[in-house]
């Protein structure tokens, strides 16, 4: 009688002939994503021209084969902080073909005042959270699943902070407005700044822990403000910098990102829209595994090539059309 092949050998034989499908490995395919800078930068242009620029950028990115698009800023400082305007801009993102992820800017909420001239920044920030970040998905016709910080019971207010993963890259937004992280120099407690500082500290620890645990190749952070992580001083320079009488609203997140990046084996890319790009065009500046690029009001598309060093290649969005 013919002896039966051992079970393990039979499995190997079936796999070799395609009868047994192996469990899929983590997706590490190349992909592209877009970033639209702050179309409403305070450069003397009107809100209407900023809206036209935003519409054109969204239309351009919708025609490209992009996994998602991150857009920073929904209004200019000279525009009203009204629900009508917020809802109008939300409709722009809803109609976009690609998944759209919004990163808030300081001009969206921090300077908002009521008819008596009093600040309503916190009220407007909460309204933006209700209108733009109330679902576990991106905006746009194509939806991308997102995990929001508001899923954590302790930080239910911070829905604007979201993360998602494509291949072995973890992406995330973090609310760091460009106006010194919305630190207010007036006397009294900086309640909004201090509470958000705690939430962002938790968020960064969580993101880096995920990236390390999953052995991901890269972590990409999107914000409006430039924390200047590549310029993080050390030793005596750090101590002198904190005693010069000027409070740096980005000091804590900058130090935290620098410290966490040192403990992470993958690449960390920071993308912000704080400053205009140089005439030389988009470029990522690297220091060890930490990279940074500021876009201003520009738009770029990023090619992600897992395994490459570095894995990110930037190009002007207009050049890809």
Protein backbone atom coordinates (compact mmCIF):
# COMPACT_ATOMS: atom_id res chain seq x y z
CA UNK A 1 0.00 0.00 0.00
CA UNK A 2 1.25 3.48 -0.88
CA UNK A 3 2.31 5.45 2.19
CA UNK A 4 0.57 8.77 2.77
CA UNK A 5 2.77 11.82 2.61
CA UNK A 6 3.18 13.58 5.93
CA UNK A 7 0.67 16.37 6.45
CA UNK A 8 3.34 19.08 6.35
CA UNK A 9 4.69 17.79 3.06
CA UNK A 10 1.17 17.73 1.62
CA UNK A 11 0.66 21.38 2.59
CA UNK A 12 3.92 22.34 0.91
CA UNK A 13 2.92 20.51 -2.23
CA UNK A 14 -0.47 22.20 -2.36
CA UNK A 15 1.08 25.60 -1.82
CA UNK A 16 3.58 25.00 -4.63
CA UNK A 17 0.74 24.24 -7.06
CA UNK A 18 -1.34 27.23 -5.99
CA UNK A 19 -4.05 25.19 -4.28
CA UNK A 20 -3.27 26.77 -0.92
CA UNK A 21 -3.20 30.56 -0.65
CA UNK A 22 -0.79 31.88 1.94
CA UNK A 23 -1.91 34.59 4.35
CA UNK A 24 -1.27 37.98 2.73
CA UNK A 25 1.75 39.87 3.96
CA UNK A 26 1.60 43.48 5.05
CA UNK A 27 0.99 45.68 2.01
CA UNK A 28 4.23 47.45 1.14
CA UNK A 29 3.39 48.59 -2.38
CA UNK A 30 4.43 51.97 -3.65
CA UNK A 31 1.82 54.71 -3.39
CA UNK A 32 1.44 58.44 -3.76
CA UNK A 33 -0.27 61.04 -1.63
CA UNK A 34 -0.90 64.76 -2.01
CA UNK A 35 -0.47 67.68 0.37
CA UNK A 36 -2.18 71.04 -0.22
CA UNK A 37 -0.61 73.89 1.73
CA UNK A 38 -2.44 76.76 3.35
CA UNK A 39 -4.27 78.39 0.43
CA UNK A 40 -5.38 81.23 2.73
CA UNK A 41 -1.96 82.34 3.94
CA UNK A 42 -2.04 86.00 5.00
CA UNK A 43 -0.17 87.29 1.94
CA UNK A 44 -2.48 90.17 1.08
CA UNK A 45 -4.84 88.08 -1.02
CA UNK A 46 -8.56 88.02 -0.35
CA UNK A 47 -10.58 85.09 0.94
CA UNK A 48 -12.17 84.67 -2.48
CA UNK A 49 -8.80 84.27 -4.17
CA UNK A 50 -7.76 81.80 -1.51
CA UNK A 51 -10.93 79.81 -2.12
CA UNK A 52 -10.28 79.80 -5.85
CA UNK A 53 -6.75 78.54 -5.21
CA UNK A 54 -8.06 75.83 -2.90
CA UNK A 55 -10.67 74.73 -5.45
CA UNK A 56 -8.03 74.49 -8.17
CA UNK A 57 -5.66 72.53 -5.95
CA UNK A 58 -8.42 70.07 -5.02
CA UNK A 59 -9.38 69.69 -8.69
CA UNK A 60 -5.75 69.04 -9.65
CA UNK A 61 -5.25 66.45 -6.93
CA UNK A 62 -8.57 64.77 -7.79
CA UNK A 63 -7.21 63.97 -11.23
CA UNK A 64 -4.10 62.26 -9.88
CA UNK A 65 -3.92 58.64 -8.72
CA UNK A 66 -3.41 59.45 -5.05
CA UNK A 67 -4.11 57.33 -2.00
CA UNK A 68 -5.22 60.46 -0.10
CA UNK A 69 -4.78 64.23 0.11
CA UNK A 70 -4.04 66.24 3.26
CA UNK A 71 -5.14 69.89 3.11
CA UNK A 72 -4.24 72.51 5.72
CA UNK A 73 -6.45 75.51 6.45
CA UNK A 74 -10.07 76.12 5.53
CA UNK A 75 -10.27 79.93 5.80
CA UNK A 76 -8.23 83.11 5.89
CA UNK A 77 -7.79 85.47 8.83
CA UNK A 78 -9.89 88.10 7.07
CA UNK A 79 -12.88 85.78 6.58
CA UNK A 80 -15.76 85.34 9.04
CA UNK A 81 -15.74 82.49 11.55
CA UNK A 82 -19.33 81.65 10.64
CA UNK A 83 -21.01 78.28 10.37
CA UNK A 84 -22.05 79.23 6.84
CA UNK A 85 -18.44 79.61 5.73
CA UNK A 86 -17.34 76.45 7.53
CA UNK A 87 -20.14 74.47 5.89
CA UNK A 88 -19.30 75.91 2.48
CA UNK A 89 -15.68 74.78 2.78
CA UNK A 90 -16.78 71.37 4.08
CA UNK A 91 -18.80 70.95 0.87
CA UNK A 92 -15.62 71.53 -1.18
CA UNK A 93 -13.92 68.61 0.52
CA UNK A 94 -17.00 66.38 0.32
CA UNK A 95 -17.09 66.78 -3.47
CA UNK A 96 -13.42 65.89 -3.98
CA UNK A 97 -12.79 62.55 -5.71
CA UNK A 98 -9.87 61.52 -3.50
CA UNK A 99 -9.95 60.94 0.27
CA UNK A 100 -9.46 64.36 1.87
CA UNK A 101 -8.00 64.79 5.35
CA UNK A 102 -8.12 68.25 6.92
CA UNK A 103 -5.40 69.65 9.17
CA UNK A 104 -6.57 72.77 11.00
CA UNK A 105 -4.72 76.09 10.84
CA UNK A 106 -4.60 78.95 13.32
CA UNK A 107 -6.61 81.17 10.96
CA UNK A 108 -9.51 78.72 11.10
CA UNK A 109 -10.31 79.43 14.74
CA UNK A 110 -7.71 81.04 17.01
CA UNK A 111 -8.37 84.67 16.07
CA UNK A 112 -12.15 84.43 16.02
CA UNK A 113 -14.05 87.07 18.01
CA UNK A 114 -17.69 87.90 18.66
CA UNK A 115 -19.42 91.21 17.94
CA UNK A 116 -18.15 92.57 21.27
CA UNK A 117 -14.56 91.84 20.30
CA UNK A 118 -14.14 88.96 22.72
CA UNK A 119 -12.37 85.77 21.75
CA UNK A 120 -14.55 82.84 20.75
CA UNK A 121 -11.60 80.70 19.69
CA UNK A 122 -12.48 77.66 21.79
CA UNK A 123 -16.14 77.78 20.72
CA UNK A 124 -15.13 77.93 17.05
CA UNK A 125 -12.57 75.15 17.45
CA UNK A 126 -15.24 72.92 18.94
CA UNK A 127 -17.61 73.79 16.10
CA UNK A 128 -14.95 72.85 13.54
CA UNK A 129 -14.52 69.53 15.31
CA UNK A 130 -18.25 68.89 14.97
CA UNK A 131 -18.37 69.81 11.28
CA UNK A 132 -15.14 68.31 9.93
CA UNK A 133 -14.13 65.48 12.24
CA UNK A 134 -17.34 63.80 13.39
CA UNK A 135 -16.86 60.56 11.43
CA UNK A 136 -14.21 57.78 11.52
CA UNK A 137 -13.41 58.40 7.86
CA UNK A 138 -11.89 61.00 5.62
CA UNK A 139 -13.92 63.51 3.64
CA UNK A 140 -14.29 63.23 -0.13
CA UNK A 141 -16.20 60.85 -2.39
CA UNK A 142 -13.70 58.06 -1.72
CA UNK A 143 -13.51 57.34 1.99
CA UNK A 144 -10.42 56.35 3.92
CA UNK A 145 -10.87 54.82 7.40
CA UNK A 146 -9.30 56.95 10.15
CA UNK A 147 -8.68 56.42 13.84
CA UNK A 148 -9.24 59.59 15.83
CA UNK A 149 -7.81 60.61 19.19
CA UNK A 150 -11.40 61.22 20.27
CA UNK A 151 -11.84 57.43 20.38
CA UNK A 152 -9.87 57.59 23.65
CA UNK A 153 -12.20 58.36 26.53
CA UNK A 154 -9.81 60.86 28.11
CA UNK A 155 -9.46 62.92 24.94
CA UNK A 156 -12.90 62.87 23.35
CA UNK A 157 -12.65 66.52 22.30
CA UNK A 158 -9.60 66.06 20.07
CA UNK A 159 -11.18 64.56 16.97
CA UNK A 160 -8.96 66.60 14.63
CA UNK A 161 -6.00 64.34 15.48
CA UNK A 162 -6.30 61.24 13.30
CA UNK A 163 -4.07 58.43 12.06
CA UNK A 164 -4.26 55.92 9.22
CA UNK A 165 -1.90 53.39 7.67
CA UNK A 166 -0.97 52.48 4.12
CA UNK A 167 1.55 49.70 3.66
CA UNK A 168 4.23 50.04 6.29
CA UNK A 169 3.77 53.80 6.70
CA UNK A 170 1.76 55.33 9.55
CA UNK A 171 0.27 58.76 8.79
CA UNK A 172 -1.19 61.19 11.32
CA UNK A 173 -2.39 64.75 11.77
CA UNK A 174 -1.66 66.73 14.91
CA UNK A 175 -3.15 70.09 15.88
CA UNK A 176 -0.14 72.42 16.17
CA UNK A 177 -1.23 75.86 14.91
CA UNK A 178 1.46 78.09 13.45
CA UNK A 179 0.85 81.01 15.85
CA UNK A 180 3.27 79.71 18.48
CA UNK A 181 0.96 76.75 19.08
CA UNK A 182 -1.75 79.21 20.20
CA UNK A 183 0.11 80.09 23.37
CA UNK A 184 -1.37 83.33 24.71
CA UNK A 185 1.08 85.68 26.51
CA UNK A 186 -1.69 87.41 28.48
CA UNK A 187 -1.88 86.86 32.23
CA UNK A 188 -3.86 83.86 33.41
CA UNK A 189 -4.02 80.19 32.56
CA UNK A 190 -3.59 79.15 28.96
CA UNK A 191 -6.30 76.53 29.30
CA UNK A 192 -6.71 75.64 25.61
CA UNK A 193 -2.96 75.51 25.00
CA UNK A 194 -2.20 73.52 28.15
CA UNK A 195 -5.01 71.00 27.67
CA UNK A 196 -4.08 70.44 24.02
CA UNK A 197 -0.44 70.05 25.04
CA UNK A 198 -1.43 67.10 27.23
CA UNK A 199 -3.54 65.57 24.45
CA UNK A 200 -0.77 65.97 21.87
CA UNK A 201 1.80 64.47 24.26
CA UNK A 202 -0.40 61.37 24.59
CA UNK A 203 -0.98 61.30 20.82
CA UNK A 204 2.72 61.41 19.91
CA UNK A 205 3.59 58.69 22.42
CA UNK A 206 0.81 56.55 21.01
CA UNK A 207 1.85 57.03 17.38
CA UNK A 208 5.50 56.19 17.97
CA UNK A 209 4.55 53.20 20.14
CA UNK A 210 2.37 51.88 17.29
CA UNK A 211 5.11 52.40 14.72
CA UNK A 212 7.67 50.59 16.89
CA UNK A 213 5.32 47.76 17.85
CA UNK A 214 4.30 47.09 14.24
CA UNK A 215 7.90 47.57 13.02
CA UNK A 216 6.67 50.08 10.45
CA UNK A 217 9.14 51.66 8.08
CA UNK A 218 8.02 55.26 8.51
CA UNK A 219 5.83 57.71 10.41
CA UNK A 220 4.57 60.89 8.72
CA UNK A 221 3.14 63.79 10.77
CA UNK A 222 1.09 66.64 9.25
CA UNK A 223 0.60 69.98 11.04
CA UNK A 224 0.32 73.65 10.28
CA UNK A 225 3.04 74.77 12.68
CA UNK A 226 6.73 74.05 12.21
CA UNK A 227 8.07 72.73 15.52
CA UNK A 228 11.65 73.06 14.14
CA UNK A 229 12.54 69.56 15.28
CA UNK A 230 15.76 69.57 13.25
CA UNK A 231 16.95 72.59 15.23
CA UNK A 232 16.32 71.09 18.66
CA UNK A 233 19.18 72.39 20.88
CA UNK A 234 20.86 70.29 23.53
CA UNK A 235 22.91 70.81 26.66
CA UNK A 236 23.72 74.39 27.62
CA UNK A 237 22.11 75.80 24.46
CA UNK A 238 18.79 74.24 25.46
CA UNK A 239 18.97 75.72 28.97
CA UNK A 240 19.89 79.18 27.68
CA UNK A 241 17.11 79.06 25.11
CA UNK A 242 14.48 78.50 27.79
CA UNK A 243 15.71 81.43 29.88
CA UNK A 244 15.67 84.17 27.22
CA UNK A 245 12.26 85.46 28.33
CA UNK A 246 10.40 84.31 25.20
CA UNK A 247 8.03 81.39 25.63
CA UNK A 248 8.28 78.84 22.83
CA UNK A 249 4.92 77.14 22.36
CA UNK A 250 6.58 74.38 20.34
CA UNK A 251 9.28 73.55 22.89
CA UNK A 252 7.62 70.47 24.37
CA UNK A 253 6.44 68.81 21.14
CA UNK A 254 9.80 69.56 19.51
CA UNK A 255 11.74 67.87 22.31
CA UNK A 256 9.29 64.98 22.42
CA UNK A 257 9.45 64.32 18.67
CA UNK A 258 13.25 64.49 18.69
CA UNK A 259 13.47 62.06 21.61
CA UNK A 260 10.94 59.59 20.21
CA UNK A 261 12.54 59.67 16.76
CA UNK A 262 15.89 58.65 18.26
CA UNK A 263 14.27 55.52 19.69
CA UNK A 264 12.53 54.60 16.44
CA UNK A 265 14.26 52.52 13.77
CA UNK A 266 12.21 53.89 10.87
CA UNK A 267 12.01 57.27 9.17
CA UNK A 268 10.04 60.19 10.62
CA UNK A 269 8.81 62.86 8.20
CA UNK A 270 7.30 66.14 9.41
CA UNK A 271 5.21 68.07 6.85
CA UNK A 272 3.94 71.53 7.78
CA UNK A 273 2.64 74.61 5.98
CA UNK A 274 4.15 77.26 8.22
CA UNK A 275 6.62 78.86 5.83
CA UNK A 276 6.82 79.36 2.10
CA UNK A 277 9.13 77.08 0.18
CA UNK A 278 12.42 78.29 -1.22
CA UNK A 279 12.71 78.99 -4.94
CA UNK A 280 14.66 75.76 -5.34
CA UNK A 281 11.40 73.85 -5.05
CA UNK A 282 10.17 71.20 -2.62
CA UNK A 283 12.86 69.33 -0.76
CA UNK A 284 13.06 67.31 2.43
CA UNK A 285 15.84 68.18 4.85
CA UNK A 286 17.07 65.15 6.80
CA UNK A 287 18.97 64.81 10.05
CA UNK A 288 19.57 61.13 10.83
CA UNK A 289 16.11 59.51 10.54
CA UNK A 290 14.16 62.76 11.02
CA UNK A 291 13.02 64.67 7.93
CA UNK A 292 11.19 67.96 7.51
CA UNK A 293 9.59 70.04 4.76
CA UNK A 294 7.52 73.25 4.91
CA UNK A 295 5.12 73.90 2.04
CA UNK A 296 3.62 77.31 2.77
CA UNK A 297 0.73 77.72 0.35
CA UNK A 298 2.18 75.29 -2.20
CA UNK A 299 1.05 71.79 -3.10
CA UNK A 300 3.13 68.68 -3.57
CA UNK A 301 2.71 65.04 -4.41
CA UNK A 302 4.81 62.49 -2.57
CA UNK A 303 5.95 59.16 -3.98
CA UNK A 304 6.39 56.53 -1.28
CA UNK A 305 8.79 53.70 -2.14
CA UNK A 306 9.14 51.26 0.76
CA UNK A 307 12.69 50.02 1.21
CA UNK A 308 14.24 53.02 -0.53
CA UNK A 309 16.50 55.39 1.38
CA UNK A 310 14.84 57.75 1.90
CA UNK A 311 11.42 56.32 1.03
CA UNK A 312 9.86 59.71 0.12
CA UNK A 313 10.25 61.67 -3.12
CA UNK A 314 8.59 65.08 -3.53
CA UNK A 315 7.42 66.83 -6.66
CA UNK A 316 5.29 69.90 -7.35
CA UNK A 317 1.70 68.84 -7.89
CA UNK A 318 1.49 71.05 -10.99
CA UNK A 319 4.45 69.22 -12.55
CA UNK A 320 2.59 65.91 -12.39
CA UNK A 321 -0.35 67.06 -14.49
